[in-house]
Amino acid sequence: MEISLQQVEEFVRPEVRRLVPYKANHMPQCITLDANENPFPWPAGMREKLAAESPAFNRYPDGMAQALRQAIGGYVKLSPEEILVGNGSDELIQLILLTFGGAGKSLVVHPPTFSMYQISAHLTSTAVKEVPLLEGLYLDVEQMLQAAKAPDVHVLIVCNPNNPTGSLFPRQDILRLVRESGKMVVVDEAYAEFSGETLIPELKNYPNLVILRTFSKAFGMAGLRLGYLLGQAGTIDLINRVRPPFNVNSLSQKAGILALGYLQDYQIQIQTIKDETRKLFEELAKVSGLTIYPTKANFILFRPKDSDSWARELLKRGFLVRNMGVLPVLGKCLRLSAGLPEENESFLQAVAEINAL
């Protein structure tokens, strides 16, 4: 019996029918400043070393990623049992909600923040409760604690530094959520290498605290999709129960191990990115009609008088930035990540041209 596409759609879970697919721009002809990536190539010799040591691709990867977890452990000063690796942070967010969320349970987020939290919540049938940032920038600890009192709330996610605002929340505020909420608290530290702040030393004190980290940003491995989750061994074991086998491929595992052997080279890149971000911030702050928001990450959120027009004009000049649309309290904003020094100079020239129109 033949069926129509409409009938096929009726088989789809209601939560999925309501989802709007995540759209990532791919415009290789442009200077891409929209994805918060490390714009520098890998340290000299790392690519060649990876090619020389490539694993056997006809065999499954190490499903436990033992060597990679050992290497990460040396970097973050934790044991391998306190580490879970994933196919990017996106997969790890989903694993957290598969473990602690689900039908009849809720997640608390602080918009504006990373959109994948809500997408993963919908995919896992987890309800979402929003506690907007105060003035669009600051963590509303009191209201998040109030929201956490609801019995259905099992998880709170704090993005620190926050994407897209670049805000760095006080550690005492986050620790207060961990201590007083009585729920799982996930701290997304994707940009910790740029902020220099982390709650990793606090993990030993709180079984309800887990920390997300990634190789996609500071380590320039966005194309290999490699993230990791940190927590007490017992908590990590619970989340590991829902992890698919062989979830991180052999090449990504090997690249992650190699990257951690080039920390000095990466530190130079990170410092340059921080310096470039500061220069961009200072120059943008001089432009009339732009509102620039302070940042502790490798990107800057700013609000022109007409963000759609600015995005179009920048694209005409070969620069792709992220049009964030309308953010709570802040309004229509654009987000710019620091590029190579010469790209940033060209970008500022384009800004001057647009501002003169």
Protein backbone atom coordinates (compact mmCIF):
# COMPACT_ATOMS: atom_id res chain seq x y z
CA MET A 1 0.00 0.00 0.00
CA GLU A 2 1.43 3.36 -1.01
CA ILE A 3 1.46 6.18 1.52
CA SER A 4 1.94 9.91 1.10
CA LEU A 5 4.65 12.13 2.57
CA GLN A 6 1.97 13.66 4.78
CA GLN A 7 1.29 10.21 6.22
CA VAL A 8 5.01 9.68 6.77
CA GLU A 9 5.13 12.98 8.67
CA GLU A 10 2.40 11.71 10.97
CA PHE A 11 4.80 8.98 12.16
CA VAL A 12 7.28 11.63 13.35
CA ARG A 13 7.38 12.49 17.04
CA PRO A 14 5.64 15.82 17.73
CA GLU A 15 8.82 17.28 19.26
CA VAL A 16 10.72 16.61 16.04
CA ARG A 17 7.95 18.01 13.83
CA ARG A 18 8.26 21.31 15.69
CA LEU A 19 12.04 21.50 15.30
CA VAL A 20 13.67 23.93 12.90
CA PRO A 21 16.93 22.39 11.57
CA TYR A 22 20.15 24.05 12.72
CA LYS A 23 21.60 25.90 9.75
CA ALA A 24 25.32 26.53 9.54
CA ASN A 25 26.57 28.80 6.76
CA HIS A 26 29.18 27.29 4.48
CA MET A 27 30.66 29.98 2.26
CA PRO A 28 34.31 29.09 1.60
CA GLN A 29 34.66 32.07 -0.73
CA CYS A 30 34.29 34.38 2.28
CA ILE A 31 36.49 35.19 5.25
CA THR A 32 34.53 33.24 7.85
CA LEU A 33 34.23 35.10 11.13
CA ASP A 34 30.91 33.58 12.18
CA ALA A 35 31.75 30.31 13.96
CA ASN A 36 34.15 31.19 16.81
CA GLU A 37 36.88 28.98 15.35
CA ASN A 38 40.64 29.20 15.79
CA PRO A 39 41.67 30.74 12.43
CA PHE A 40 45.28 29.55 12.61
CA PRO A 41 46.56 26.35 10.99
CA TRP A 42 47.74 23.54 13.22
CA PRO A 43 51.21 23.92 14.75
CA ALA A 44 54.09 23.13 12.40
CA GLY A 45 54.61 19.41 12.02
CA MET A 46 51.37 18.30 13.67
CA ARG A 47 49.50 17.60 10.43
CA GLU A 48 52.44 15.59 9.06
CA LYS A 49 52.76 13.65 12.31
CA LEU A 50 49.06 12.78 12.22
CA ALA A 51 49.38 11.54 8.64
CA ALA A 52 52.41 9.42 9.55
CA GLU A 53 50.67 7.88 12.55
CA SER A 54 47.20 7.43 11.05
CA PRO A 55 45.34 4.47 12.56
CA ALA A 56 43.96 1.53 10.61
CA PHE A 57 40.70 2.87 9.21
CA ASN A 58 39.39 -0.62 8.44
CA ARG A 59 39.22 -1.30 12.18
CA TYR A 60 36.85 0.14 14.77
CA PRO A 61 38.32 2.81 17.04
CA ASP A 62 39.06 2.23 20.70
CA GLY A 63 35.53 2.45 22.07
CA MET A 64 36.79 3.63 25.45
CA ALA A 65 39.26 6.15 23.94
CA GLN A 66 41.75 5.10 26.59
CA ALA A 67 44.84 6.86 25.23
CA LEU A 68 42.91 10.05 24.52
CA ARG A 69 41.34 10.13 28.00
CA GLN A 70 44.80 9.57 29.48
CA ALA A 71 46.15 12.53 27.49
CA ILE A 72 43.21 14.77 28.44
CA GLY A 73 43.69 13.71 32.06
CA GLY A 74 47.24 15.03 31.97
CA TYR A 75 45.99 18.34 30.59
CA VAL A 76 43.14 18.91 33.07
CA LYS A 77 44.74 17.09 36.02
CA LEU A 78 42.02 14.44 36.34
CA SER A 79 41.96 10.64 36.07
CA PRO A 80 40.67 8.96 32.88
CA GLU A 81 37.67 7.70 34.89
CA GLU A 82 36.59 11.32 35.32
CA ILE A 83 36.53 11.95 31.56
CA LEU A 84 34.05 11.05 28.82
CA VAL A 85 34.80 11.89 25.18
CA GLY A 86 32.20 12.66 22.54
CA ASN A 87 31.61 13.49 18.92
CA GLY A 88 31.78 17.20 19.68
CA SER A 89 30.11 18.87 22.64
CA ASP A 90 26.79 18.56 20.81
CA GLU A 91 26.73 14.79 21.34
CA LEU A 92 27.74 15.18 24.99
CA ILE A 93 24.88 17.63 25.64
CA GLN A 94 22.50 15.05 24.20
CA LEU A 95 24.02 12.27 26.34
CA ILE A 96 23.57 14.38 29.49
CA LEU A 97 19.90 14.89 28.69
CA LEU A 98 19.41 11.24 27.75
CA THR A 99 20.75 10.43 31.22
CA PHE A 100 19.09 13.06 33.39
CA GLY A 101 16.32 14.48 31.20
CA GLY A 102 13.52 12.95 29.15
CA ALA A 103 9.74 12.97 29.20
CA GLY A 104 8.33 14.65 32.28
CA LYS A 105 11.64 16.31 33.15
CA SER A 106 12.91 19.83 32.56
CA LEU A 107 16.09 21.73 31.79
CA VAL A 108 16.82 25.31 32.89
CA VAL A 109 18.77 27.56 30.48
CA HIS A 110 19.64 31.27 30.49
CA PRO A 111 18.85 32.88 27.11
CA PRO A 112 20.53 34.22 25.13
CA THR A 113 22.83 31.20 25.06
CA PHE A 114 23.99 28.32 22.86
CA SER A 115 21.05 27.05 20.80
CA MET A 116 22.02 23.36 20.94
CA TYR A 117 20.87 23.09 24.55
CA GLN A 118 17.27 23.62 23.51
CA ILE A 119 17.58 21.51 20.37
CA SER A 120 18.95 18.57 22.37
CA ALA A 121 16.21 19.07 24.95
CA HIS A 122 13.53 18.75 22.28
CA LEU A 123 15.20 15.65 20.81
CA THR A 124 15.18 13.98 24.23
CA SER A 125 11.62 15.07 25.09
CA THR A 126 12.99 17.29 27.86
CA ALA A 127 11.01 20.45 28.62
CA VAL A 128 12.87 23.76 28.70
CA LYS A 129 12.48 26.49 31.30
CA GLU A 130 14.07 29.83 30.45
CA VAL A 131 15.55 32.28 32.94
CA PRO A 132 16.77 35.20 30.79
CA LEU A 133 20.04 36.89 31.61
CA LEU A 134 19.66 40.14 33.54
CA GLU A 135 20.10 43.04 31.11
CA GLY A 136 20.82 40.31 28.55
CA LEU A 137 24.29 39.77 30.05
CA TYR A 138 24.29 38.70 33.71
CA LEU A 139 23.29 35.44 35.37
CA ASP A 140 20.03 35.69 37.33
CA VAL A 141 21.04 33.34 40.12
CA GLU A 142 17.97 33.93 42.27
CA GLN A 143 15.53 33.12 39.49
CA MET A 144 17.52 30.09 38.36
CA LEU A 145 17.42 28.75 41.91
CA GLN A 146 13.69 29.46 42.03
CA ALA A 147 13.18 27.56 38.77
CA ALA A 148 15.28 24.66 40.08
CA LYS A 149 12.82 24.14 42.96
CA ALA A 150 10.32 22.58 40.57
CA PRO A 151 10.40 18.76 40.98
CA ASP A 152 10.51 18.22 37.21
CA VAL A 153 13.74 20.23 36.83
CA HIS A 154 16.71 17.88 36.78
CA VAL A 155 19.39 19.89 34.92
CA LEU A 156 20.66 23.47 34.76
CA ILE A 157 23.12 24.53 32.03
CA VAL A 158 25.44 27.50 32.41
CA CYS A 159 27.57 28.53 29.42
CA ASN A 160 30.72 30.23 30.74
CA PRO A 161 31.96 32.30 28.95
CA ASN A 162 28.53 32.58 27.43
CA ASN A 163 27.87 32.18 23.73
CA PRO A 164 26.83 34.56 22.14
CA THR A 165 27.39 37.38 24.64
CA GLY A 166 30.97 36.59 25.71
CA SER A 167 29.97 37.18 29.35
CA LEU A 168 32.05 35.49 32.05
CA PHE A 169 29.90 34.73 35.08
CA PRO A 170 31.39 34.91 38.61
CA ARG A 171 32.47 31.49 39.82
CA GLN A 172 30.74 32.08 43.17
CA ASP A 173 27.41 32.49 41.35
CA ILE A 174 27.82 29.21 39.50
CA LEU A 175 28.97 27.39 42.62
CA ARG A 176 25.93 28.71 44.42
CA LEU A 177 23.75 27.03 41.78
CA VAL A 178 25.70 23.81 42.28
CA ARG A 179 25.38 23.91 46.07
CA GLU A 180 21.83 25.19 46.45
CA SER A 181 19.86 23.93 43.44
CA GLY A 182 19.95 20.25 44.38
CA LYS A 183 20.05 19.45 40.64
CA MET A 184 22.65 18.54 38.02
CA VAL A 185 24.58 21.62 36.92
CA VAL A 186 26.36 21.51 33.56
CA VAL A 187 28.99 24.22 32.96
CA ASP A 188 29.91 24.60 29.31
CA GLU A 189 33.52 25.80 29.20
CA ALA A 190 34.00 25.68 25.43
CA TYR A 191 35.91 28.98 25.55
CA ALA A 192 37.80 28.43 28.84
CA GLU A 193 41.21 28.56 27.17
CA PHE A 194 40.44 32.16 26.17
CA SER A 195 38.90 33.25 29.48
CA GLY A 196 41.52 31.56 31.67
CA GLU A 197 38.76 30.55 34.11
CA THR A 198 37.60 27.03 34.94
CA LEU A 199 35.70 25.16 37.64
CA ILE A 200 37.64 21.93 37.12
CA PRO A 201 39.25 22.11 40.62
CA GLU A 202 35.72 22.12 42.12
CA LEU A 203 34.69 18.80 40.58
CA LYS A 204 36.04 16.80 43.51
CA ASN A 205 33.58 18.58 45.81
CA TYR A 206 30.32 18.15 43.86
CA PRO A 207 28.97 14.97 42.22
CA ASN A 208 26.21 17.08 40.60
CA LEU A 209 28.71 19.24 38.67
CA VAL A 210 29.89 18.31 35.18
CA ILE A 211 31.97 20.43 32.80
CA LEU A 212 31.90 20.45 29.00
CA ARG A 213 35.12 21.17 27.11
CA THR A 214 36.05 20.99 23.43
CA PHE A 215 38.92 20.74 20.95
CA SER A 216 36.89 22.73 18.39
CA LYS A 217 37.79 26.23 19.57
CA ALA A 218 41.25 26.87 21.02
CA PHE A 219 42.74 23.71 19.50
CA GLY A 220 41.51 24.41 15.95
CA MET A 221 39.84 21.03 15.46
CA ALA A 222 36.25 22.06 14.65
CA GLY A 223 36.32 19.86 11.54
CA LEU A 224 37.12 16.72 13.54
CA ARG A 225 34.26 17.01 16.09
CA LEU A 226 35.89 16.20 19.40
CA GLY A 227 34.64 17.21 22.83
CA TYR A 228 34.95 15.89 26.35
CA LEU A 229 32.99 15.88 29.58
CA LEU A 230 34.50 16.09 33.06
CA GLY A 231 32.99 15.04 36.38
CA GLN A 232 33.34 12.70 39.31
CA ALA A 233 33.95 9.09 38.24
CA GLY A 234 30.54 7.90 39.46
CA THR A 235 28.72 10.67 37.58
CA ILE A 236 30.70 10.01 34.39
CA ASP A 237 29.87 6.30 34.68
CA LEU A 238 26.14 7.11 34.71
CA ILE A 239 26.39 9.21 31.54
CA ASN A 240 28.64 6.64 29.87
CA ARG A 241 25.76 4.15 30.00
CA VAL A 242 23.92 5.97 27.19
CA ARG A 243 27.01 6.65 25.06
CA PRO A 244 26.95 4.88 21.68
CA PRO A 245 29.87 2.48 21.14
CA PHE A 246 32.73 3.81 18.99
CA ASN A 247 31.28 7.34 19.12
CA VAL A 248 34.64 9.06 18.47
CA ASN A 249 36.51 8.01 15.34
CA SER A 250 40.13 6.90 15.32
CA LEU A 251 41.48 9.95 13.48
CA SER A 252 39.89 12.42 15.92
CA GLN A 253 41.20 10.44 18.88
CA LYS A 254 44.72 10.49 17.48
CA ALA A 255 44.52 14.20 16.59
CA GLY A 256 43.39 15.05 20.12
CA ILE A 257 46.34 13.20 21.63
CA LEU A 258 48.75 14.93 19.27
CA ALA A 259 47.28 18.38 19.93
CA LEU A 260 47.92 18.05 23.64
CA GLY A 261 51.59 17.51 22.81
CA TYR A 262 51.73 20.96 21.18
CA LEU A 263 50.44 23.02 24.10
CA GLN A 264 53.17 25.66 23.89
CA ASP A 265 52.38 26.31 20.22
CA TYR A 266 48.67 26.53 20.98
CA GLN A 267 49.29 28.92 23.85
CA ILE A 268 50.97 31.30 21.41
CA GLN A 269 47.95 31.07 19.09
CA ILE A 270 45.54 31.60 21.98
CA GLN A 271 47.38 34.68 23.18
CA THR A 272 47.40 36.12 19.65
CA ILE A 273 43.66 35.50 19.33
CA LYS A 274 43.07 37.22 22.68
CA ASP A 275 45.17 40.19 21.56
CA GLU A 276 43.32 40.38 18.24
CA THR A 277 39.93 40.16 19.98
CA ARG A 278 40.93 43.05 22.23
CA LYS A 279 42.06 45.14 19.21
CA LEU A 280 38.79 44.44 17.41
CA PHE A 281 36.83 45.41 20.51
CA GLU A 282 38.74 48.68 20.93
CA GLU A 283 38.37 49.66 17.28
CA LEU A 284 34.69 48.73 17.07
CA ALA A 285 34.05 50.76 20.22
CA LYS A 286 35.20 53.85 18.32
CA VAL A 287 32.57 53.42 15.61
CA SER A 288 29.50 55.58 16.07
CA GLY A 289 26.18 53.78 16.15
CA LEU A 290 27.61 50.45 17.36
CA THR A 291 26.98 48.97 20.80
CA ILE A 292 29.81 46.59 21.76
CA TYR A 293 29.45 44.05 24.57
CA PRO A 294 32.43 43.05 26.77
CA THR A 295 33.81 39.58 26.08
CA LYS A 296 36.06 36.98 27.68
CA ALA A 297 35.92 34.66 24.68
CA ASN A 298 37.36 34.77 21.14
CA PHE A 299 34.30 36.55 19.73
CA ILE A 300 32.47 39.85 20.12
CA LEU A 301 28.75 40.55 20.17
CA PHE A 302 27.79 43.95 18.81
CA ARG A 303 24.60 45.78 17.87
CA PRO A 304 24.49 48.12 14.87
CA LYS A 305 21.50 50.37 14.27
CA ASP A 306 20.50 48.01 11.46
CA SER A 307 22.09 44.59 11.95
CA ASP A 308 20.54 43.04 8.82
CA SER A 309 21.95 45.82 6.64
CA TRP A 310 25.36 45.52 8.27
CA ALA A 311 25.42 41.74 7.72
CA ARG A 312 24.58 42.24 4.04
CA GLU A 313 27.19 44.95 3.56
CA LEU A 314 29.87 42.87 5.25
CA LEU A 315 28.98 39.89 3.07
CA LYS A 316 29.31 42.08 -0.04
CA ARG A 317 32.85 42.80 1.08
CA GLY A 318 33.61 39.12 1.66
CA PHE A 319 33.09 38.81 5.42
CA LEU A 320 30.71 36.29 6.95
CA VAL A 321 29.58 37.14 10.49
CA ARG A 322 26.79 35.56 12.52
CA ASN A 323 23.46 37.36 12.42
CA MET A 324 22.01 36.48 15.81
CA GLY A 325 18.56 37.91 15.11
CA VAL A 326 16.67 39.34 18.05
CA LEU A 327 18.22 38.47 21.42
CA PRO A 328 16.35 38.93 24.71
CA VAL A 329 16.81 42.50 26.00
CA LEU A 330 19.77 43.16 23.67
CA GLY A 331 17.80 43.27 20.41
CA LYS A 332 19.14 42.50 16.92
CA CYS A 333 22.86 41.72 17.15
CA LEU A 334 25.78 40.40 15.13
CA ARG A 335 28.56 38.16 16.42
CA LEU A 336 32.11 38.33 15.13
CA SER A 337 34.93 35.92 15.92
CA ALA A 338 38.55 37.02 15.67
CA GLY A 339 40.26 35.99 12.46
CA LEU A 340 43.89 36.12 11.41
CA PRO A 341 45.54 39.52 12.05
CA GLU A 342 45.42 40.47 8.37
CA GLU A 343 41.77 39.38 8.13
CA ASN A 344 40.90 41.53 11.13
CA GLU A 345 42.61 44.57 9.55
CA SER A 346 40.61 44.07 6.37
CA PHE A 347 37.44 43.63 8.41
CA LEU A 348 37.97 46.94 10.20
CA GLN A 349 38.49 48.65 6.84
CA ALA A 350 35.16 47.20 5.70
CA VAL A 351 33.54 48.48 8.92
CA ALA A 352 34.87 51.97 8.20
CA GLU A 353 33.43 51.83 4.68
CA ILE A 354 30.02 50.69 5.89
CA ASN A 355 29.93 53.28 8.64
CA ALA A 356 30.61 55.98 6.05
CA LEU A 357 27.59 55.02 3.92
